[in-house]
Protein backbone atom coordinates (compact mmCIF):
# COMPACT_ATOMS: atom_id res chain seq x y z
CA MET A 1 -45.47 98.72 -14.85
CA ALA A 2 -48.62 99.96 -16.57
CA VAL A 3 -46.55 101.98 -19.06
CA TRP A 4 -44.43 98.90 -19.81
CA ASP A 5 -47.53 96.74 -20.30
CA ARG A 6 -49.09 99.26 -22.71
CA ALA A 7 -45.87 99.62 -24.70
CA THR A 8 -45.45 95.83 -24.87
CA GLU A 9 -49.02 95.32 -26.10
CA ASP A 10 -48.57 98.05 -28.71
CA LEU A 11 -45.34 96.44 -29.92
CA ARG A 12 -46.98 93.01 -30.16
CA LYS A 13 -49.79 94.42 -32.31
CA ARG A 14 -47.35 96.23 -34.57
CA LEU A 15 -45.14 93.14 -35.00
CA GLN A 16 -48.13 90.91 -35.79
CA SER A 17 -49.31 93.31 -38.49
CA THR A 18 -45.87 93.62 -40.12
CA SER A 19 -45.86 92.18 -43.64
CA ASP A 20 -43.36 89.64 -44.95
CA GLN A 21 -42.16 92.32 -47.35
CA LYS A 22 -41.33 94.65 -44.45
CA TRP A 23 -39.48 91.87 -42.56
CA ASN A 24 -37.30 91.34 -45.65
CA GLU A 25 -36.40 95.01 -46.11
CA LYS A 26 -32.91 96.23 -45.24
CA ALA A 27 -32.51 97.88 -41.85
CA THR A 28 -29.50 99.69 -40.42
CA LEU A 29 -28.57 100.29 -36.80
CA LYS A 30 -25.88 102.93 -36.25
CA PHE A 31 -23.86 103.08 -33.04
CA GLY A 32 -20.95 105.47 -32.85
CA ASP A 33 -18.78 105.00 -35.92
CA ASN A 34 -20.15 101.50 -36.49
CA GLU A 35 -23.28 100.21 -38.14
CA TRP A 36 -25.10 96.93 -38.53
CA SER A 37 -27.11 96.34 -41.71
CA ASP A 38 -29.27 93.30 -42.29
CA THR A 39 -32.89 92.42 -42.97
CA MET A 40 -35.42 93.64 -40.44
CA GLU A 41 -36.14 89.99 -39.56
CA ASN A 42 -32.50 89.22 -38.79
CA MET A 43 -32.16 92.44 -36.83
CA PHE A 44 -35.11 91.52 -34.61
CA TRP A 45 -33.70 88.02 -34.06
CA GLY A 46 -30.36 89.60 -33.12
CA TYR A 47 -32.11 91.88 -30.64
CA LEU A 48 -33.98 88.95 -29.08
CA LEU A 49 -30.81 86.89 -28.74
CA ASP A 50 -29.03 89.89 -27.19
CA MET A 51 -31.78 90.17 -24.55
CA ILE A 52 -31.44 86.45 -23.80
CA HIS A 53 -27.67 86.87 -23.47
CA HIS A 54 -28.04 89.73 -20.98
CA ARG A 55 -30.61 87.77 -18.97
CA GLY A 56 -28.00 85.03 -18.69
CA GLN A 57 -25.44 87.57 -17.51
CA LEU A 58 -27.79 88.79 -14.78
CA SER A 59 -28.41 85.21 -13.68
CA ALA A 60 -24.67 84.55 -13.53
CA TYR A 61 -24.15 87.58 -11.27
CA LEU A 62 -27.19 87.15 -9.00
CA ARG A 63 -27.17 83.43 -8.19
CA PRO A 64 -23.64 83.31 -6.69
CA MET A 65 -24.69 86.19 -4.41
CA GLY A 66 -27.62 84.10 -3.14
CA VAL A 67 -30.25 86.24 -4.87
CA LYS A 68 -33.16 84.62 -6.69
CA VAL A 69 -33.31 85.50 -10.39
CA PRO A 70 -36.51 87.48 -11.06
CA ALA A 71 -38.88 86.86 -13.96
CA ILE A 72 -37.28 89.21 -16.49
CA TYR A 73 -38.27 88.72 -20.14
CA GLY A 74 -40.40 85.81 -18.88
CA PRO A 75 -40.19 83.22 -16.10
CA SER A 76 -36.94 82.08 -14.51
CA ALA A 77 -36.17 78.91 -12.56
CA ASP A 78 -36.55 80.96 -9.36
CA ASP A 79 -39.64 83.01 -10.27
CA SER A 80 -42.50 81.80 -12.47
CA GLY A 81 -43.67 85.36 -12.94
CA SER A 82 -47.16 84.66 -11.62
């Protein structure tokens, strides 16, 4: 958990210090024979929305099994994260 917390804090600092010019630069993500090219800003939004999507998938699998959804990527209805 300590490693995660340090990495998260480092990422927050780096994102806050990123210039508008950098956010508007082209970025490319390659996966297999495919690639996704867009601005850095749009790529980060896509990554955030993908994390939200997968959190929803976990919720959909856990709740029907009677398991409370943990606070992943922030609080859930079952766990405030505190």
